[in-house]
C-alpha cells in the first residue's frame, strides 16, 4: 500500500480473496479518512469500469517494463482525461498516461523457490508477474517452496529478479472453494 497525495492507495484484483476484508480493515486502521481501495470483481463490471482497470493494468505493466509514458485511447472524452495531454495519433484521439509504480507488491503464487522464481495457479498469473515487476519490493506467498532447479523453466511466470521475499503459507479452505488445509 502506498500513500498517494495524502491517501493510502491499494489495488486488488478480486473483491473476495478469502481474507474477509483484512485489507480494508488494515487500510482503514492506518488512515480512516483517506483510503482508496480499487477492486476488480467479475460480477461487478461495467464497460467503463473494465476500461479503467485495463488502463490501470497497462500503467502498472509500463512501470515494470521501464516505459516512461504512453498514449492510449482509453479514457478520452471522460473525466479521467481532464487536464492530461491529448493527441491525435493514427486518426484516433489518445490520452498521455504515465506508469503506475508501487513501493510494495504482495502477491500469491502456487510454487516458488528460494530465489523467488514463481509459478501460479489459474488466474493468479494475470496480475502477479506485472505487479512484481512494477514494485520496488515484492513479497510472494507460496503454498510450496521447492529446491532450486525443480521448477519447470517454461512454467515460471515471475523470475526471481522481481521478488524480494518468499513466504510459505499453508493451504486453507476459501469461500471460493479453494484448497483445504493439508492433513
Protein backbone atom coordinates (compact mmCIF):
# COMPACT_ATOMS: atom_id res chain seq x y z
CA UNK A 1 0.00 0.00 0.00
CA UNK A 2 1.26 3.44 -0.80
CA UNK A 3 0.44 6.95 0.38
CA UNK A 4 -0.55 8.99 -2.67
CA UNK A 5 -1.48 12.65 -2.35
CA UNK A 6 -2.30 12.16 1.34
CA UNK A 7 -4.26 8.95 0.69
CA UNK A 8 -3.47 5.29 1.13
CA UNK A 9 -3.98 3.50 -2.17
CA UNK A 10 -4.38 -0.25 -2.54
CA UNK A 11 -5.24 -2.13 -5.71
CA UNK A 12 -6.74 -5.56 -5.62
CA UNK A 13 -7.80 -7.84 -8.45
CA UNK A 14 -10.72 -9.55 -6.69
CA UNK A 15 -13.44 -8.46 -4.30
CA UNK A 16 -13.28 -11.73 -2.37
CA UNK A 17 -9.76 -13.03 -1.98
CA UNK A 18 -10.57 -15.07 1.10
CA UNK A 19 -9.24 -12.55 3.63
CA UNK A 20 -12.66 -11.48 4.99
CA UNK A 21 -11.91 -7.80 4.48
CA UNK A 22 -8.48 -7.79 6.14
CA UNK A 23 -7.05 -5.40 3.51
CA UNK A 24 -9.87 -2.91 4.02
CA UNK A 25 -9.61 -3.12 7.82
CA UNK A 26 -5.84 -2.62 7.73
CA UNK A 27 -6.14 0.37 5.39
CA UNK A 28 -8.91 1.98 7.45
CA UNK A 29 -6.94 1.49 10.67
CA UNK A 30 -3.97 3.25 9.04
CA UNK A 31 -5.86 6.23 7.61
CA UNK A 32 -9.67 6.13 8.09
CA UNK A 33 -10.34 9.36 6.17
CA UNK A 34 -8.10 8.87 3.17
CA UNK A 35 -8.45 5.35 1.83
CA UNK A 36 -8.94 4.42 -1.81
CA UNK A 37 -9.27 0.70 -2.49
CA UNK A 38 -9.82 -0.39 -6.07
CA UNK A 39 -11.20 -3.85 -6.74
CA UNK A 40 -11.85 -5.87 -9.85
CA UNK A 41 -14.65 -8.39 -9.47
CA UNK A 42 -16.30 -10.37 -12.26
CA UNK A 43 -19.87 -9.76 -11.10
CA UNK A 44 -19.47 -6.00 -10.78
CA UNK A 45 -18.01 -4.98 -14.13
CA UNK A 46 -19.37 -2.32 -16.43
CA UNK A 47 -17.68 -1.38 -19.72
CA UNK A 48 -16.42 1.89 -18.18
CA UNK A 49 -15.03 0.12 -15.11
CA UNK A 50 -13.39 -2.54 -17.26
CA UNK A 51 -11.74 0.19 -19.37
CA UNK A 52 -10.49 1.89 -16.20
CA UNK A 53 -8.97 -1.37 -14.92
CA UNK A 54 -7.44 -2.09 -18.34
CA UNK A 55 -5.78 1.30 -18.24
CA UNK A 56 -4.54 0.75 -14.67
CA UNK A 57 -3.15 -2.67 -15.64
CA UNK A 58 -1.34 -1.14 -18.61
CA UNK A 59 0.08 1.65 -16.42
CA UNK A 60 1.36 -0.98 -13.96
CA UNK A 61 2.80 -3.04 -16.83
CA UNK A 62 4.51 0.08 -18.20
CA UNK A 63 6.14 0.70 -14.81
CA UNK A 64 7.54 -2.82 -14.74
CA UNK A 65 8.81 -2.51 -18.32
CA UNK A 66 10.52 0.82 -17.66
CA UNK A 67 8.29 2.76 -20.08
CA UNK A 68 8.27 6.47 -19.27
CA UNK A 69 4.80 7.26 -20.68
CA UNK A 70 2.41 6.08 -23.39
CA UNK A 71 -0.64 7.22 -25.33
CA UNK A 72 -3.94 5.31 -25.14
CA UNK A 73 -7.46 5.96 -26.44
CA UNK A 74 -8.88 4.63 -23.17
CA UNK A 75 -10.42 7.42 -21.15
CA UNK A 76 -10.51 10.00 -23.95
CA UNK A 77 -13.51 12.31 -23.58
CA UNK A 78 -14.10 11.34 -19.93
CA UNK A 79 -13.34 12.96 -16.59
CA UNK A 80 -10.26 10.74 -16.38
CA UNK A 81 -8.67 12.64 -19.28
CA UNK A 82 -9.27 16.10 -17.80
CA UNK A 83 -6.03 18.09 -17.61
CA UNK A 84 -3.99 15.42 -19.44
CA UNK A 85 -2.16 15.81 -22.73
CA UNK A 86 -4.24 14.60 -25.68
CA UNK A 87 -3.04 13.94 -29.25
CA UNK A 88 -4.49 12.55 -32.42
CA UNK A 89 -2.46 9.50 -33.44
CA UNK A 90 -3.46 7.40 -36.43
CA UNK A 91 -6.81 9.15 -36.67
CA UNK A 92 -7.76 8.45 -33.03
CA UNK A 93 -7.64 10.79 -30.07
CA UNK A 94 -5.28 9.46 -27.38
CA UNK A 95 -4.50 10.43 -23.79
CA UNK A 96 -0.97 10.53 -22.37
CA UNK A 97 -0.63 8.21 -19.36
CA UNK A 98 2.29 7.68 -17.01
CA UNK A 99 3.40 4.43 -15.39
CA UNK A 100 1.93 3.39 -12.05
CA UNK A 101 4.78 2.32 -9.75
CA UNK A 102 4.36 0.64 -6.37
CA UNK A 103 6.52 0.62 -3.29
CA UNK A 104 5.29 -2.85 -2.34
CA UNK A 105 3.58 -5.75 -4.08
CA UNK A 106 2.01 -8.56 -2.11
CA UNK A 107 1.39 -11.44 -4.48
CA UNK A 108 0.24 -15.03 -4.16
CA UNK A 109 1.75 -17.91 -6.13
CA UNK A 110 1.34 -21.67 -6.07
CA UNK A 111 5.03 -22.66 -6.01
CA UNK A 112 8.34 -20.89 -5.75
CA UNK A 113 12.00 -21.43 -4.96
CA UNK A 114 14.30 -19.60 -2.57
CA UNK A 115 15.43 -17.27 -5.36
CA UNK A 116 11.86 -16.06 -5.87
CA UNK A 117 11.06 -17.76 -9.17
CA UNK A 118 7.27 -18.23 -9.11
CA UNK A 119 4.64 -20.45 -10.73
CA UNK A 120 0.97 -19.54 -10.42
CA UNK A 121 -2.34 -21.35 -10.31
CA UNK A 122 -5.04 -20.31 -12.76
CA UNK A 123 -5.79 -16.55 -12.96
CA UNK A 124 -3.23 -15.54 -10.33
CA UNK A 125 -0.84 -15.45 -13.30
CA UNK A 126 -2.73 -12.47 -14.79
CA UNK A 127 -1.59 -9.78 -12.35
CA UNK A 128 1.13 -11.36 -10.18
CA UNK A 129 4.04 -11.00 -12.62
CA UNK A 130 3.02 -7.47 -13.64
CA UNK A 131 2.69 -6.28 -10.03
CA UNK A 132 6.03 -7.86 -9.05
CA UNK A 133 7.83 -6.08 -11.89
CA UNK A 134 6.28 -2.69 -11.04
CA UNK A 135 7.12 -2.73 -7.31
CA UNK A 136 10.28 -1.72 -5.51
CA UNK A 137 9.80 -4.57 -3.01
CA UNK A 138 7.78 -7.73 -3.65
CA UNK A 139 6.65 -10.27 -1.08
CA UNK A 140 5.31 -13.53 -2.52
CA UNK A 141 3.30 -16.02 -0.52
CA UNK A 142 3.56 -19.55 -1.88
CA UNK A 143 1.99 -22.85 -0.89
CA UNK A 144 5.12 -24.81 -1.74
CA UNK A 145 8.80 -23.88 -1.71
CA UNK A 146 10.85 -26.23 -3.89
CA UNK A 147 14.58 -26.73 -4.33
CA UNK A 148 16.44 -24.73 -6.96
CA UNK A 149 16.05 -26.35 -10.38
CA UNK A 150 12.79 -28.17 -9.56
CA UNK A 151 10.54 -25.60 -11.25
CA UNK A 152 9.90 -26.14 -14.94
CA UNK A 153 11.50 -23.07 -16.57
CA UNK A 154 8.56 -22.89 -19.02
CA UNK A 155 6.13 -22.61 -16.07
CA UNK A 156 7.95 -19.78 -14.27
CA UNK A 157 5.86 -16.66 -14.84
CA UNK A 158 7.74 -14.35 -12.45
CA UNK A 159 11.54 -14.53 -12.44
CA UNK A 160 13.22 -14.18 -9.07
CA UNK A 161 14.82 -10.85 -10.00
CA UNK A 162 11.46 -9.21 -9.17
CA UNK A 163 10.87 -10.96 -5.82
CA UNK A 164 12.49 -9.84 -2.57
CA UNK A 165 10.89 -12.22 -0.07
CA UNK A 166 9.20 -15.62 -0.35
CA UNK A 167 6.93 -16.77 2.48
CA UNK A 168 5.38 -20.23 2.63
CA UNK A 169 1.74 -20.30 3.74
CA UNK A 170 -0.46 -23.34 4.31
CA UNK A 171 -3.37 -24.17 2.04
CA UNK A 172 -6.67 -23.23 3.61
CA UNK A 173 -10.26 -23.53 2.52
CA UNK A 174 -11.63 -20.36 0.94
CA UNK A 175 -15.12 -19.08 0.30
CA UNK A 176 -14.50 -19.63 -3.41
CA UNK A 177 -13.85 -23.33 -2.77
CA UNK A 178 -10.06 -23.28 -2.96
CA UNK A 179 -7.65 -25.70 -1.34
CA UNK A 180 -8.24 -27.24 2.08
CA UNK A 181 -5.63 -27.31 4.82
CA UNK A 182 -3.25 -30.22 4.44
CA UNK A 183 -3.84 -33.10 6.89
